[in-house]
Amino acid sequence: MSHTISPEQLRHALKWRYAVKRFDSHRKLPADVWQMLEETLVLTPSSFGLQPWRFYVITDMTVKSQLPAISWGQTQVRDASHVVVLAAKSELTAADVDHYLETTAAIRGITTDSLAGLKNVILGSLAHPPGGMTLREWNIRQVYIALGNLMTAAAVLGVDTCPMEGIIPAKYDELIKCRDEGYETVVVCPLGYRAEDDKYAAVPKVRFSHSKLIHFIEE
């Protein structure tokens, strides 16, 4: 498969990206751009493919205007075009596994019986999550895969983002009522376009060198 963009194009997008401090509140994402970002979230990989998350997308200005008060006063959540609340499933059960395997069988045109071995492996992992984690912790870690995927795709499309943990998750839960559906807020990512007067757009990135961060284990 050939590259759809060049390495240099990807490098440019990643260097162009920064955590926006001020969004242009008048600029909205075009429908086709948002549709691709939405698909990016749907296509994000997860452990066993269980997708233990839900993404709540806020575009209503009445709702967005309430967000700075529960986001440590940060205005990005008010001024961005779209605000994505990334929520983790609070627990995973055998019923969730059955639903996933039934969906898999339907999409791939196979029987659920043929997935019995996979089902046992997944149930074993749910009973004993990796690294001694709880299922809740495991699900929360999965959400950050989706966040990274979203931010990279946005940068490639020329869309600005600002990942935010500086929020009051319980208040977000109340606002979007995700607890009622078995999910809890983990992190928020506003998306839109940077304001022309956001001085941080021109500030050089501070990153450690390749030699400090990248270590090869070779023959």
Protein backbone atom coordinates (compact mmCIF):
# COMPACT_ATOMS: atom_id res chain seq x y z
CA MET A 1 0.00 0.00 0.00
CA SER A 2 1.45 3.35 -1.02
CA HIS A 3 1.54 6.30 1.34
CA THR A 4 -1.42 8.65 0.95
CA ILE A 5 0.70 11.44 2.38
CA SER A 6 4.46 11.76 2.44
CA PRO A 7 6.59 11.50 5.58
CA GLU A 8 7.41 15.19 5.20
CA GLN A 9 3.72 16.10 5.06
CA LEU A 10 3.06 14.15 8.24
CA ARG A 11 6.05 15.80 9.94
CA HIS A 12 4.73 19.22 8.96
CA ALA A 13 1.28 18.43 10.37
CA LEU A 14 2.69 17.20 13.68
CA LYS A 15 4.95 20.23 14.05
CA TRP A 16 2.08 22.56 13.11
CA ARG A 17 -0.11 21.06 15.83
CA TYR A 18 -0.09 22.55 19.31
CA ALA A 19 -2.48 22.74 22.25
CA VAL A 20 -4.58 25.72 21.19
CA LYS A 21 -5.20 28.31 23.88
CA ARG A 22 -7.61 30.48 21.90
CA PHE A 23 -10.01 29.24 19.23
CA ASP A 24 -11.67 31.41 16.61
CA SER A 25 -15.27 31.12 17.79
CA HIS A 26 -16.61 32.18 14.39
CA ARG A 27 -14.99 29.36 12.40
CA LYS A 28 -16.77 26.02 12.28
CA LEU A 29 -15.59 22.70 10.92
CA PRO A 30 -16.94 21.91 7.44
CA ALA A 31 -19.33 18.96 7.48
CA ASP A 32 -17.04 16.69 5.45
CA VAL A 33 -14.07 17.42 7.72
CA TRP A 34 -16.06 16.60 10.83
CA GLN A 35 -17.41 13.43 9.21
CA MET A 36 -13.85 12.23 8.66
CA LEU A 37 -12.87 13.03 12.23
CA GLU A 38 -15.96 11.19 13.45
CA GLU A 39 -14.92 8.20 11.35
CA THR A 40 -11.44 8.47 12.85
CA LEU A 41 -12.95 7.92 16.29
CA VAL A 42 -15.00 4.96 15.05
CA LEU A 43 -11.95 3.38 13.38
CA THR A 44 -9.72 3.70 16.44
CA PRO A 45 -8.24 0.35 17.53
CA SER A 46 -8.89 -1.08 20.99
CA SER A 47 -7.92 -4.19 22.95
CA PHE A 48 -9.74 -7.18 21.42
CA GLY A 49 -11.75 -4.62 19.44
CA LEU A 50 -14.15 -4.20 22.36
CA GLN A 51 -14.36 -0.40 21.96
CA PRO A 52 -15.10 0.36 25.64
CA TRP A 53 -15.91 3.99 25.03
CA ARG A 54 -18.42 6.51 23.81
CA PHE A 55 -17.77 9.94 22.33
CA TYR A 56 -20.15 12.77 23.20
CA VAL A 57 -19.93 15.64 20.72
CA ILE A 58 -21.06 19.08 21.87
CA THR A 59 -21.77 21.76 19.27
CA ASP A 60 -24.70 23.58 20.90
CA MET A 61 -23.57 27.02 22.05
CA THR A 62 -25.94 27.01 25.02
CA VAL A 63 -24.24 23.87 26.32
CA LYS A 64 -20.72 24.98 25.38
CA SER A 65 -21.19 28.21 27.31
CA GLN A 66 -21.58 26.15 30.48
CA LEU A 67 -18.31 24.29 30.00
CA PRO A 68 -15.66 26.83 31.15
CA ALA A 69 -17.16 26.79 34.65
CA ILE A 70 -16.47 23.04 34.89
CA SER A 71 -13.15 23.24 33.02
CA TRP A 72 -11.07 25.37 35.37
CA GLY A 73 -12.17 28.51 33.52
CA GLN A 74 -10.62 27.45 30.22
CA THR A 75 -12.47 29.03 27.31
CA GLN A 76 -11.41 26.62 24.57
CA VAL A 77 -14.43 24.45 25.34
CA ARG A 78 -16.71 27.42 24.71
CA ASP A 79 -15.09 28.79 21.57
CA ALA A 80 -14.18 25.61 19.68
CA SER A 81 -16.37 24.39 16.85
CA HIS A 82 -16.81 20.89 18.28
CA VAL A 83 -16.09 19.61 21.79
CA VAL A 84 -15.54 15.87 22.05
CA VAL A 85 -15.99 14.34 25.48
CA LEU A 86 -14.22 10.99 25.50
CA ALA A 87 -15.89 8.68 27.99
CA ALA A 88 -14.92 5.19 29.12
CA LYS A 89 -17.31 2.36 29.78
CA SER A 90 -17.46 1.99 33.55
CA GLU A 91 -17.42 -1.81 33.34
CA LEU A 92 -17.36 -4.65 30.83
CA THR A 93 -19.49 -7.76 31.19
CA ALA A 94 -20.07 -11.05 29.41
CA ALA A 95 -23.06 -9.40 27.74
CA ASP A 96 -20.74 -6.79 26.20
CA VAL A 97 -18.50 -9.55 24.88
CA ASP A 98 -21.49 -11.39 23.40
CA HIS A 99 -22.66 -8.21 21.69
CA TYR A 100 -19.21 -7.65 20.20
CA LEU A 101 -18.91 -11.23 18.95
CA GLU A 102 -22.41 -11.17 17.48
CA THR A 103 -21.50 -7.96 15.63
CA THR A 104 -18.25 -9.53 14.44
CA ALA A 105 -20.03 -12.62 13.16
CA ALA A 106 -22.63 -10.55 11.32
CA ILE A 107 -20.07 -8.28 9.65
CA ARG A 108 -17.71 -11.11 8.66
CA GLY A 109 -20.38 -13.59 7.65
CA ILE A 110 -19.39 -16.27 10.13
CA THR A 111 -21.07 -18.01 13.05
CA THR A 112 -20.73 -16.96 16.65
CA ASP A 113 -19.84 -20.58 17.46
CA SER A 114 -16.66 -20.18 15.41
CA LEU A 115 -15.63 -17.40 17.81
CA ALA A 116 -15.91 -19.52 20.95
CA GLY A 117 -12.14 -19.64 21.42
CA LEU A 118 -11.84 -15.87 21.16
CA LYS A 119 -14.71 -15.47 23.57
CA ASN A 120 -12.92 -17.56 26.19
CA VAL A 121 -9.72 -15.54 25.77
CA ILE A 122 -11.57 -12.25 26.15
CA LEU A 123 -13.53 -13.41 29.19
CA GLY A 124 -10.28 -14.58 30.75
CA SER A 125 -8.77 -11.14 30.24
CA LEU A 126 -11.82 -9.44 31.72
CA ALA A 127 -11.56 -11.68 34.78
CA HIS A 128 -7.85 -10.89 35.13
CA PRO A 129 -7.03 -7.59 33.37
CA PRO A 130 -3.41 -7.07 32.26
CA GLY A 131 -0.90 -5.57 34.64
CA GLY A 132 -3.13 -6.00 37.68
CA MET A 133 -5.42 -3.20 36.49
CA THR A 134 -9.11 -3.00 37.17
CA LEU A 135 -11.43 -3.11 34.16
CA ARG A 136 -12.19 0.55 34.74
CA GLU A 137 -8.49 1.45 34.52
CA TRP A 138 -8.09 -0.68 31.41
CA ASN A 139 -11.00 1.04 29.70
CA ILE A 140 -9.68 4.49 30.60
CA ARG A 141 -6.33 3.64 28.99
CA GLN A 142 -8.16 2.63 25.83
CA VAL A 143 -9.74 6.08 25.62
CA TYR A 144 -6.32 7.72 25.28
CA ILE A 145 -5.69 5.69 22.13
CA ALA A 146 -8.78 7.34 20.63
CA LEU A 147 -7.60 10.77 21.80
CA GLY A 148 -4.20 10.39 20.13
CA ASN A 149 -5.78 9.08 16.95
CA LEU A 150 -8.19 12.01 16.83
CA MET A 151 -5.50 14.62 17.40
CA THR A 152 -3.21 13.22 14.71
CA ALA A 153 -5.99 12.95 12.15
CA ALA A 154 -7.08 16.49 12.97
CA ALA A 155 -3.56 17.83 12.45
CA VAL A 156 -3.33 16.12 9.05
CA LEU A 157 -6.63 17.78 8.09
CA GLY A 158 -5.48 21.19 9.33
CA VAL A 159 -7.82 21.18 12.31
CA ASP A 160 -6.67 22.46 15.68
CA THR A 161 -7.16 20.63 18.96
CA CYS A 162 -6.51 21.05 22.66
CA PRO A 163 -6.59 17.90 24.81
CA MET A 164 -7.86 18.82 28.27
CA GLU A 165 -7.70 16.93 31.54
CA GLY A 166 -8.21 20.19 33.42
CA ILE A 167 -11.90 19.56 33.87
CA ILE A 168 -14.27 18.34 36.57
CA PRO A 169 -15.27 14.94 35.17
CA ALA A 170 -18.23 14.44 37.52
CA LYS A 171 -19.75 17.72 36.35
CA TYR A 172 -19.35 16.68 32.72
CA ASP A 173 -21.01 13.38 33.61
CA GLU A 174 -23.98 15.30 34.99
CA LEU A 175 -24.20 17.59 31.98
CA ILE A 176 -24.11 14.92 29.28
CA LYS A 177 -25.79 12.27 31.47
CA CYS A 178 -23.28 9.62 30.45
CA ARG A 179 -23.39 7.80 33.80
CA ASP A 180 -26.98 6.88 33.05
CA GLU A 181 -25.65 4.95 30.05
CA GLY A 182 -22.75 3.31 31.87
CA TYR A 183 -19.96 5.68 30.83
CA GLU A 184 -17.76 8.21 32.64
CA THR A 185 -15.88 11.26 31.37
CA VAL A 186 -12.12 10.79 31.01
CA VAL A 187 -10.79 13.65 28.89
CA VAL A 188 -12.10 16.41 26.63
CA CYS A 189 -10.83 17.52 23.22
CA PRO A 190 -12.08 20.76 21.66
CA LEU A 191 -11.61 21.00 17.89
CA GLY A 192 -11.73 24.01 15.61
CA TYR A 193 -9.39 26.67 14.26
CA ARG A 194 -6.86 28.75 16.18
CA ALA A 195 -7.49 32.44 16.72
CA GLU A 196 -5.10 34.75 14.89
CA ASP A 197 -4.04 36.34 18.18
CA ASP A 198 -3.15 33.08 19.93
CA LYS A 199 0.50 33.80 20.63
CA TYR A 200 1.23 30.17 21.48
CA ALA A 201 0.88 29.18 17.81
CA ALA A 202 4.35 30.61 17.12
CA VAL A 203 6.08 29.29 20.24
CA PRO A 204 8.71 26.63 19.38
CA LYS A 205 7.97 23.12 20.59
CA VAL A 206 10.12 21.80 23.42
CA ARG A 207 10.94 18.13 22.88
CA PHE A 208 13.85 16.01 24.02
CA SER A 209 16.19 14.67 21.34
CA HIS A 210 15.62 11.45 19.41
CA SER A 211 18.67 9.93 21.08
CA LYS A 212 17.20 10.58 24.53
CA LEU A 213 13.75 9.21 23.76
CA ILE A 214 14.28 6.50 21.12
CA HIS A 215 16.27 3.40 22.09
CA PHE A 216 16.81 0.54 19.65
CA ILE A 217 17.24 -3.07 20.77
CA GLU A 218 19.20 -4.53 17.90
CA GLU A 219 21.33 -7.57 17.09
